[in-house]
Amino acid sequence: IACKGLPPAKRLAKLFVKRIYRLHGVPRRIISDRGVQFTAKFWREFLKSIGSSQGLSSAFHPACNGAAERANAMTEQYIRCYVNYQQENWAELLPFAEVAYNNAVHSSTGLTPFQINTSIDFLPMPELPKEPPTSMSLTEWMESLKKG
């Protein structure tokens, strides 16, 4: 979830409900780093109230949260490939980086995260048609998405 800065615990709880819970339900366990928003009393009480437990990675040892670190590394690599020269459009690329990650087969499961989560194959957007559609604004919009 793209945020401007690190959200405080109450904002994090709202983001969780709006962006995670509505799509995935309540997780049994949430593993995070030791950021102040994750160690705040409010966040701990929020997790307890929804029936989730909390796991905190070891301080100064990001390998404890290996899955998240690998996902972050893949996202950074994707964005580096497509970001513009001024590096100002990275936030617009996040949804496409997420799709790329969620549709890559993971060696540990032999499936994509999308398949694991939904039990179906992801249907990507089609390539741009050879003939321009009647709406040039749509074509221009699709081209701008591809360029980043």
N, C-alpha and C. Protein backbone atom coordinates (compact mmCIF):
# COMPACT_ATOMS: atom_id res chain seq x y z
N ILE A 1 0.86 -1.17 0.00
CA ILE A 1 0.00 0.00 0.00
C ILE A 1 0.90 1.23 0.00
N ALA A 2 0.79 2.04 -1.03
CA ALA A 2 1.61 3.24 -1.12
C ALA A 2 1.11 4.27 -0.12
N CYS A 3 2.02 4.81 0.68
CA CYS A 3 1.68 5.84 1.67
C CYS A 3 2.72 6.95 1.60
N LYS A 4 2.32 8.13 1.95
CA LYS A 4 3.27 9.22 2.10
C LYS A 4 3.81 9.16 3.52
N GLY A 5 4.99 8.64 3.67
CA GLY A 5 5.57 8.48 5.00
C GLY A 5 4.99 7.25 5.69
N LEU A 6 5.45 7.01 6.89
CA LEU A 6 4.98 5.87 7.67
C LEU A 6 3.71 6.25 8.41
N PRO A 7 2.62 5.51 8.21
CA PRO A 7 1.37 5.88 8.88
C PRO A 7 1.42 5.52 10.36
N PRO A 8 0.79 6.34 11.21
CA PRO A 8 0.68 5.97 12.63
C PRO A 8 -0.26 4.77 12.77
N ALA A 9 -0.28 4.17 13.94
CA ALA A 9 -1.01 2.92 14.17
C ALA A 9 -2.49 3.03 13.81
N LYS A 10 -3.17 4.12 14.17
CA LYS A 10 -4.61 4.24 13.87
C LYS A 10 -4.85 4.30 12.36
N ARG A 11 -4.01 5.03 11.65
CA ARG A 11 -4.14 5.10 10.19
C ARG A 11 -3.83 3.73 9.57
N LEU A 12 -2.86 3.04 10.13
CA LEU A 12 -2.51 1.70 9.65
C LEU A 12 -3.70 0.75 9.80
N ALA A 13 -4.39 0.84 10.92
CA ALA A 13 -5.57 -0.01 11.14
C ALA A 13 -6.66 0.30 10.11
N LYS A 14 -6.87 1.58 9.81
CA LYS A 14 -7.86 1.95 8.79
C LYS A 14 -7.45 1.43 7.42
N LEU A 15 -6.16 1.56 7.09
CA LEU A 15 -5.67 1.04 5.81
C LEU A 15 -5.84 -0.47 5.74
N PHE A 16 -5.58 -1.14 6.85
CA PHE A 16 -5.74 -2.59 6.90
C PHE A 16 -7.18 -2.98 6.55
N VAL A 17 -8.14 -2.32 7.18
CA VAL A 17 -9.55 -2.64 6.94
C VAL A 17 -9.94 -2.33 5.49
N LYS A 18 -9.51 -1.17 4.99
CA LYS A 18 -9.89 -0.75 3.63
C LYS A 18 -9.21 -1.57 2.54
N ARG A 19 -7.95 -1.94 2.75
CA ARG A 19 -7.17 -2.52 1.66
C ARG A 19 -6.85 -4.01 1.80
N ILE A 20 -6.82 -4.54 3.01
CA ILE A 20 -6.44 -5.93 3.22
C ILE A 20 -7.66 -6.77 3.60
N TYR A 21 -8.32 -6.38 4.68
CA TYR A 21 -9.44 -7.17 5.21
C TYR A 21 -10.52 -7.41 4.16
N ARG A 22 -10.90 -6.38 3.43
CA ARG A 22 -12.01 -6.50 2.47
C ARG A 22 -11.71 -7.50 1.36
N LEU A 23 -10.43 -7.72 1.08
CA LEU A 23 -10.06 -8.66 0.01
C LEU A 23 -9.68 -10.04 0.51
N HIS A 24 -9.10 -10.09 1.73
CA HIS A 24 -8.50 -11.34 2.19
C HIS A 24 -9.02 -11.86 3.52
N GLY A 25 -9.84 -11.08 4.20
CA GLY A 25 -10.30 -11.49 5.52
C GLY A 25 -9.23 -11.23 6.58
N VAL A 26 -9.42 -11.82 7.73
CA VAL A 26 -8.50 -11.59 8.85
C VAL A 26 -7.38 -12.63 8.81
N PRO A 27 -6.13 -12.19 8.76
CA PRO A 27 -5.03 -13.15 8.80
C PRO A 27 -4.84 -13.71 10.21
N ARG A 28 -4.36 -14.94 10.29
CA ARG A 28 -4.09 -15.52 11.61
C ARG A 28 -2.93 -14.81 12.28
N ARG A 29 -1.95 -14.40 11.48
CA ARG A 29 -0.73 -13.79 12.02
C ARG A 29 -0.23 -12.73 11.06
N ILE A 30 0.24 -11.62 11.60
CA ILE A 30 0.86 -10.57 10.81
C ILE A 30 2.30 -10.42 11.28
N ILE A 31 3.22 -10.58 10.35
CA ILE A 31 4.64 -10.43 10.67
C ILE A 31 5.10 -9.09 10.11
N SER A 32 5.78 -8.32 10.93
CA SER A 32 6.24 -7.00 10.51
C SER A 32 7.59 -6.70 11.13
N ASP A 33 8.15 -5.57 10.72
CA ASP A 33 9.36 -5.11 11.38
C ASP A 33 8.97 -4.44 12.70
N ARG A 34 9.91 -3.84 13.35
CA ARG A 34 9.66 -3.23 14.66
C ARG A 34 9.41 -1.72 14.56
N GLY A 35 8.81 -1.29 13.47
CA GLY A 35 8.46 0.12 13.33
C GLY A 35 7.49 0.54 14.42
N VAL A 36 7.54 1.82 14.78
CA VAL A 36 6.73 2.31 15.91
C VAL A 36 5.24 2.06 15.69
N GLN A 37 4.79 2.10 14.44
CA GLN A 37 3.37 1.86 14.19
C GLN A 37 2.98 0.42 14.49
N PHE A 38 3.94 -0.52 14.37
CA PHE A 38 3.65 -1.93 14.64
C PHE A 38 3.83 -2.31 16.10
N THR A 39 4.60 -1.52 16.83
CA THR A 39 4.81 -1.82 18.25
C THR A 39 3.91 -0.98 19.15
N ALA A 40 3.12 -0.08 18.56
CA ALA A 40 2.24 0.78 19.34
C ALA A 40 1.15 -0.04 20.04
N LYS A 41 0.76 0.41 21.20
CA LYS A 41 -0.28 -0.27 21.98
C LYS A 41 -1.57 -0.38 21.17
N PHE A 42 -1.93 0.67 20.46
CA PHE A 42 -3.16 0.65 19.66
C PHE A 42 -3.12 -0.49 18.64
N TRP A 43 -2.00 -0.65 17.93
CA TRP A 43 -1.89 -1.70 16.92
C TRP A 43 -2.00 -3.08 17.55
N ARG A 44 -1.33 -3.28 18.68
CA ARG A 44 -1.39 -4.58 19.36
C ARG A 44 -2.82 -4.89 19.79
N GLU A 45 -3.52 -3.89 20.33
CA GLU A 45 -4.91 -4.09 20.75
C GLU A 45 -5.82 -4.33 19.55
N PHE A 46 -5.55 -3.63 18.45
CA PHE A 46 -6.34 -3.84 17.23
C PHE A 46 -6.19 -5.29 16.76
N LEU A 47 -4.97 -5.80 16.69
CA LEU A 47 -4.75 -7.18 16.25
C LEU A 47 -5.44 -8.17 17.18
N LYS A 48 -5.35 -7.91 18.47
CA LYS A 48 -6.00 -8.79 19.44
C LYS A 48 -7.51 -8.79 19.23
N SER A 49 -8.08 -7.61 18.97
CA SER A 49 -9.53 -7.50 18.82
C SER A 49 -10.04 -8.22 17.57
N ILE A 50 -9.21 -8.34 16.54
CA ILE A 50 -9.65 -9.04 15.32
C ILE A 50 -9.22 -10.50 15.31
N GLY A 51 -8.51 -10.92 16.35
CA GLY A 51 -8.12 -12.32 16.46
C GLY A 51 -6.84 -12.69 15.74
N SER A 52 -6.01 -11.71 15.44
CA SER A 52 -4.72 -11.97 14.80
C SER A 52 -3.61 -11.90 15.83
N SER A 53 -2.57 -12.68 15.60
CA SER A 53 -1.39 -12.55 16.46
C SER A 53 -0.33 -11.76 15.70
N GLN A 54 0.64 -11.28 16.43
CA GLN A 54 1.67 -10.44 15.84
C GLN A 54 3.03 -11.12 15.96
N GLY A 55 3.78 -11.06 14.89
CA GLY A 55 5.17 -11.51 14.90
C GLY A 55 6.05 -10.36 14.49
N LEU A 56 7.06 -10.08 15.29
CA LEU A 56 7.99 -8.99 14.98
C LEU A 56 9.33 -9.57 14.58
N SER A 57 9.90 -9.06 13.49
CA SER A 57 11.22 -9.53 13.08
C SER A 57 12.26 -9.00 14.06
N SER A 58 13.41 -9.64 14.08
CA SER A 58 14.49 -9.20 14.96
C SER A 58 15.00 -7.84 14.51
N ALA A 59 15.33 -7.01 15.47
CA ALA A 59 15.85 -5.68 15.16
C ALA A 59 17.16 -5.80 14.38
N PHE A 60 17.32 -4.98 13.37
CA PHE A 60 18.53 -4.91 12.55
C PHE A 60 18.87 -6.25 11.89
N HIS A 61 17.86 -7.08 11.65
CA HIS A 61 18.08 -8.37 11.01
C HIS A 61 16.92 -8.62 10.03
N PRO A 62 16.93 -7.91 8.88
CA PRO A 62 15.80 -8.01 7.96
C PRO A 62 15.59 -9.40 7.37
N ALA A 63 16.59 -10.27 7.44
CA ALA A 63 16.42 -11.61 6.89
C ALA A 63 15.33 -12.39 7.61
N CYS A 64 14.98 -11.99 8.83
CA CYS A 64 13.90 -12.65 9.58
C CYS A 64 12.57 -12.51 8.86
N ASN A 65 12.44 -11.46 8.09
CA ASN A 65 11.21 -11.21 7.34
C ASN A 65 11.52 -11.43 5.86
N GLY A 66 12.10 -12.59 5.55
CA GLY A 66 12.63 -12.88 4.23
C GLY A 66 11.65 -12.74 3.09
N ALA A 67 10.43 -13.22 3.26
CA ALA A 67 9.45 -13.15 2.17
C ALA A 67 9.16 -11.71 1.79
N ALA A 68 8.98 -10.85 2.78
CA ALA A 68 8.72 -9.44 2.49
C ALA A 68 9.95 -8.78 1.87
N GLU A 69 11.13 -9.13 2.36
CA GLU A 69 12.35 -8.56 1.80
C GLU A 69 12.52 -8.97 0.33
N ARG A 70 12.22 -10.21 -0.01
CA ARG A 70 12.31 -10.66 -1.40
C ARG A 70 11.28 -9.94 -2.27
N ALA A 71 10.08 -9.78 -1.75
CA ALA A 71 9.04 -9.06 -2.51
C ALA A 71 9.46 -7.61 -2.73
N ASN A 72 10.02 -6.98 -1.71
CA ASN A 72 10.49 -5.60 -1.85
C ASN A 72 11.61 -5.50 -2.88
N ALA A 73 12.55 -6.46 -2.85
CA ALA A 73 13.66 -6.44 -3.81
C ALA A 73 13.15 -6.59 -5.24
N MET A 74 12.18 -7.48 -5.46
CA MET A 74 11.61 -7.67 -6.79
C MET A 74 10.89 -6.40 -7.24
N THR A 75 10.16 -5.78 -6.33
CA THR A 75 9.44 -4.55 -6.65
C THR A 75 10.42 -3.44 -7.03
N GLU A 76 11.48 -3.29 -6.25
CA GLU A 76 12.49 -2.27 -6.55
C GLU A 76 13.14 -2.53 -7.91
N GLN A 77 13.44 -3.78 -8.21
CA GLN A 77 14.05 -4.13 -9.49
C GLN A 77 13.11 -3.78 -10.65
N TYR A 78 11.84 -4.11 -10.52
CA TYR A 78 10.85 -3.80 -11.55
C TYR A 78 10.78 -2.29 -11.77
N ILE A 79 10.67 -1.55 -10.68
CA ILE A 79 10.52 -0.09 -10.79
C ILE A 79 11.77 0.53 -11.41
N ARG A 80 12.96 0.04 -11.05
CA ARG A 80 14.19 0.56 -11.64
C ARG A 80 14.19 0.41 -13.17
N CYS A 81 13.59 -0.66 -13.65
CA CYS A 81 13.55 -0.90 -15.11
C CYS A 81 12.61 0.05 -15.84
N TYR A 82 11.59 0.54 -15.18
CA TYR A 82 10.55 1.31 -15.87
C TYR A 82 10.40 2.76 -15.41
N VAL A 83 11.05 3.14 -14.34
CA VAL A 83 10.88 4.51 -13.83
C VAL A 83 11.46 5.51 -14.84
N ASN A 84 10.86 6.69 -14.91
CA ASN A 84 11.36 7.70 -15.83
C ASN A 84 12.67 8.31 -15.31
N TYR A 85 13.30 9.12 -16.13
CA TYR A 85 14.61 9.69 -15.81
C TYR A 85 14.58 10.48 -14.50
N GLN A 86 13.52 11.22 -14.27
CA GLN A 86 13.40 12.03 -13.05
C GLN A 86 13.03 11.19 -11.82
N GLN A 87 12.72 9.94 -12.03
CA GLN A 87 12.32 9.01 -10.98
C GLN A 87 11.12 9.53 -10.17
N GLU A 88 10.19 10.15 -10.88
CA GLU A 88 9.03 10.73 -10.21
C GLU A 88 7.75 9.93 -10.42
N ASN A 89 7.79 8.91 -11.27
CA ASN A 89 6.57 8.16 -11.57
C ASN A 89 6.54 6.78 -10.91
N TRP A 90 7.39 6.56 -9.92
CA TRP A 90 7.48 5.24 -9.31
C TRP A 90 6.17 4.80 -8.67
N ALA A 91 5.42 5.71 -8.07
CA ALA A 91 4.17 5.32 -7.40
C ALA A 91 3.15 4.80 -8.42
N GLU A 92 3.16 5.36 -9.64
CA GLU A 92 2.24 4.90 -10.68
C GLU A 92 2.60 3.49 -11.16
N LEU A 93 3.84 3.08 -10.95
CA LEU A 93 4.29 1.76 -11.40
C LEU A 93 3.99 0.66 -10.39
N LEU A 94 3.66 1.02 -9.16
CA LEU A 94 3.43 0.02 -8.12
C LEU A 94 2.37 -1.02 -8.47
N PRO A 95 1.21 -0.63 -9.03
CA PRO A 95 0.23 -1.67 -9.36
C PRO A 95 0.77 -2.68 -10.37
N PHE A 96 1.59 -2.23 -11.32
CA PHE A 96 2.14 -3.13 -12.32
C PHE A 96 3.22 -4.02 -11.72
N ALA A 97 3.99 -3.48 -10.79
CA ALA A 97 4.99 -4.29 -10.08
C ALA A 97 4.28 -5.35 -9.24
N GLU A 98 3.17 -4.98 -8.63
CA GLU A 98 2.40 -5.94 -7.83
C GLU A 98 1.85 -7.07 -8.71
N VAL A 99 1.34 -6.72 -9.88
CA VAL A 99 0.84 -7.74 -10.80
C VAL A 99 1.98 -8.66 -11.23
N ALA A 100 3.15 -8.09 -11.54
CA ALA A 100 4.29 -8.90 -11.95
C ALA A 100 4.68 -9.88 -10.85
N TYR A 101 4.75 -9.40 -9.62
CA TYR A 101 5.12 -10.27 -8.50
C TYR A 101 4.05 -11.35 -8.27
N ASN A 102 2.81 -10.95 -8.25
CA ASN A 102 1.72 -11.89 -7.95
C ASN A 102 1.48 -12.91 -9.05
N ASN A 103 2.10 -12.71 -10.21
CA ASN A 103 1.92 -13.65 -11.31
C ASN A 103 3.21 -14.35 -11.71
N ALA A 104 4.20 -14.28 -10.83
CA ALA A 104 5.44 -15.03 -11.03
C ALA A 104 5.35 -16.33 -10.25
N VAL A 105 5.70 -17.44 -10.89
CA VAL A 105 5.67 -18.73 -10.21
C VAL A 105 6.76 -18.75 -9.15
N HIS A 106 6.40 -19.13 -7.93
CA HIS A 106 7.35 -19.19 -6.83
C HIS A 106 7.86 -20.62 -6.69
N SER A 107 9.16 -20.75 -6.52
CA SER A 107 9.78 -22.08 -6.49
C SER A 107 9.29 -22.93 -5.32
N SER A 108 8.94 -22.30 -4.22
CA SER A 108 8.51 -23.08 -3.04
C SER A 108 7.14 -23.71 -3.21
N THR A 109 6.28 -23.12 -4.05
CA THR A 109 4.92 -23.64 -4.22
C THR A 109 4.64 -24.18 -5.61
N GLY A 110 5.40 -23.71 -6.60
CA GLY A 110 5.12 -24.08 -7.98
C GLY A 110 3.92 -23.35 -8.55
N LEU A 111 3.40 -22.40 -7.80
CA LEU A 111 2.24 -21.61 -8.20
C LEU A 111 2.54 -20.14 -8.06
N THR A 112 1.67 -19.31 -8.63
CA THR A 112 1.79 -17.87 -8.42
C THR A 112 1.00 -17.49 -7.17
N PRO A 113 1.37 -16.39 -6.51
CA PRO A 113 0.55 -15.94 -5.38
C PRO A 113 -0.91 -15.71 -5.77
N PHE A 114 -1.15 -15.23 -6.99
CA PHE A 114 -2.52 -15.02 -7.45
C PHE A 114 -3.28 -16.34 -7.49
N GLN A 115 -2.65 -17.41 -8.00
CA GLN A 115 -3.31 -18.72 -8.05
C GLN A 115 -3.59 -19.25 -6.64
N ILE A 116 -2.64 -19.06 -5.74
CA ILE A 116 -2.83 -19.54 -4.37
C ILE A 116 -3.98 -18.80 -3.70
N ASN A 117 -4.06 -17.51 -3.94
CA ASN A 117 -5.06 -16.68 -3.28
C ASN A 117 -6.46 -16.84 -3.87
N THR A 118 -6.55 -17.08 -5.18
CA THR A 118 -7.86 -17.09 -5.83
C THR A 118 -8.25 -18.43 -6.46
N SER A 119 -7.30 -19.34 -6.59
CA SER A 119 -7.51 -20.64 -7.25
C SER A 119 -7.83 -20.52 -8.73
N ILE A 120 -7.53 -19.37 -9.33
CA ILE A 120 -7.73 -19.21 -10.77
C ILE A 120 -6.48 -18.57 -11.37
N ASP A 121 -6.34 -18.67 -12.70
CA ASP A 121 -5.24 -18.01 -13.39
C ASP A 121 -5.58 -16.55 -13.62
N PHE A 122 -4.58 -15.71 -13.56
CA PHE A 122 -4.73 -14.28 -13.78
C PHE A 122 -4.95 -14.02 -15.26
N LEU A 123 -5.90 -13.16 -15.58
CA LEU A 123 -6.17 -12.78 -16.97
C LEU A 123 -5.59 -11.38 -17.19
N PRO A 124 -4.46 -11.29 -17.92
CA PRO A 124 -3.84 -9.97 -18.11
C PRO A 124 -4.61 -9.13 -19.11
N MET A 125 -4.33 -7.82 -19.10
CA MET A 125 -4.91 -6.94 -20.11
C MET A 125 -4.33 -7.34 -21.46
N PRO A 126 -5.14 -7.29 -22.52
CA PRO A 126 -4.62 -7.65 -23.84
C PRO A 126 -3.63 -6.60 -24.34
N GLU A 127 -2.82 -7.02 -25.29
CA GLU A 127 -1.91 -6.07 -25.94
C GLU A 127 -2.74 -5.03 -26.68
N LEU A 128 -2.13 -3.90 -26.98
CA LEU A 128 -2.83 -2.88 -27.76
C LEU A 128 -3.20 -3.43 -29.13
N PRO A 129 -4.39 -3.14 -29.62
CA PRO A 129 -4.80 -3.65 -30.93
C PRO A 129 -3.94 -3.04 -32.04
N LYS A 130 -3.83 -3.79 -33.15
CA LYS A 130 -3.06 -3.29 -34.31
C LYS A 130 -3.75 -2.07 -34.92
N GLU A 131 -5.06 -2.13 -34.99
CA GLU A 131 -5.85 -1.00 -35.50
C GLU A 131 -6.25 -0.13 -34.32
N PRO A 132 -6.11 1.19 -34.45
CA PRO A 132 -6.48 2.05 -33.33
C PRO A 132 -7.98 1.98 -33.04
N PRO A 133 -8.36 1.92 -31.76
CA PRO A 133 -9.78 1.93 -31.44
C PRO A 133 -10.39 3.28 -31.78
N THR A 134 -11.71 3.34 -31.72
CA THR A 134 -12.39 4.58 -32.07
C THR A 134 -12.04 5.70 -31.10
N SER A 135 -11.70 5.37 -29.89
CA SER A 135 -11.37 6.40 -28.90
C SER A 135 -9.85 6.55 -28.82
N MET A 136 -9.33 7.62 -29.39
CA MET A 136 -7.89 7.84 -29.34
C MET A 136 -7.43 8.09 -27.91
N SER A 137 -8.27 8.65 -27.07
CA SER A 137 -7.85 8.90 -25.69
C SER A 137 -7.56 7.59 -24.96
N LEU A 138 -8.29 6.53 -25.30
CA LEU A 138 -8.02 5.23 -24.70
C LEU A 138 -6.64 4.73 -25.13
N THR A 139 -6.34 4.84 -26.42
CA THR A 139 -5.03 4.41 -26.92
C THR A 139 -3.92 5.19 -26.24
N GLU A 140 -4.08 6.49 -26.19
CA GLU A 140 -3.06 7.31 -25.54
C GLU A 140 -2.89 6.92 -24.08
N TRP A 141 -3.99 6.64 -23.42
CA TRP A 141 -3.92 6.24 -22.02
C TRP A 141 -3.19 4.91 -21.87
N MET A 142 -3.51 3.94 -22.72
CA MET A 142 -2.85 2.63 -22.67
C MET A 142 -1.36 2.77 -22.95
N GLU A 143 -1.00 3.61 -23.91
CA GLU A 143 0.42 3.83 -24.21
C GLU A 143 1.14 4.45 -23.02
N SER A 144 0.49 5.41 -22.37
CA SER A 144 1.13 6.04 -21.21
C SER A 144 1.33 5.04 -20.08
N LEU A 145 0.40 4.08 -19.93
CA LEU A 145 0.57 3.03 -18.92
C LEU A 145 1.77 2.17 -19.23
N LYS A 146 1.94 1.83 -20.51
CA LYS A 146 3.07 0.98 -20.90
C LYS A 146 4.40 1.70 -20.72
N LYS A 147 4.42 3.00 -21.02
CA LYS A 147 5.66 3.77 -20.91
C LYS A 147 6.01 4.05 -19.46
N GLY A 148 5.00 4.08 -18.60
CA GLY A 148 5.25 4.38 -17.18
C GLY A 148 5.22 5.83 -16.99
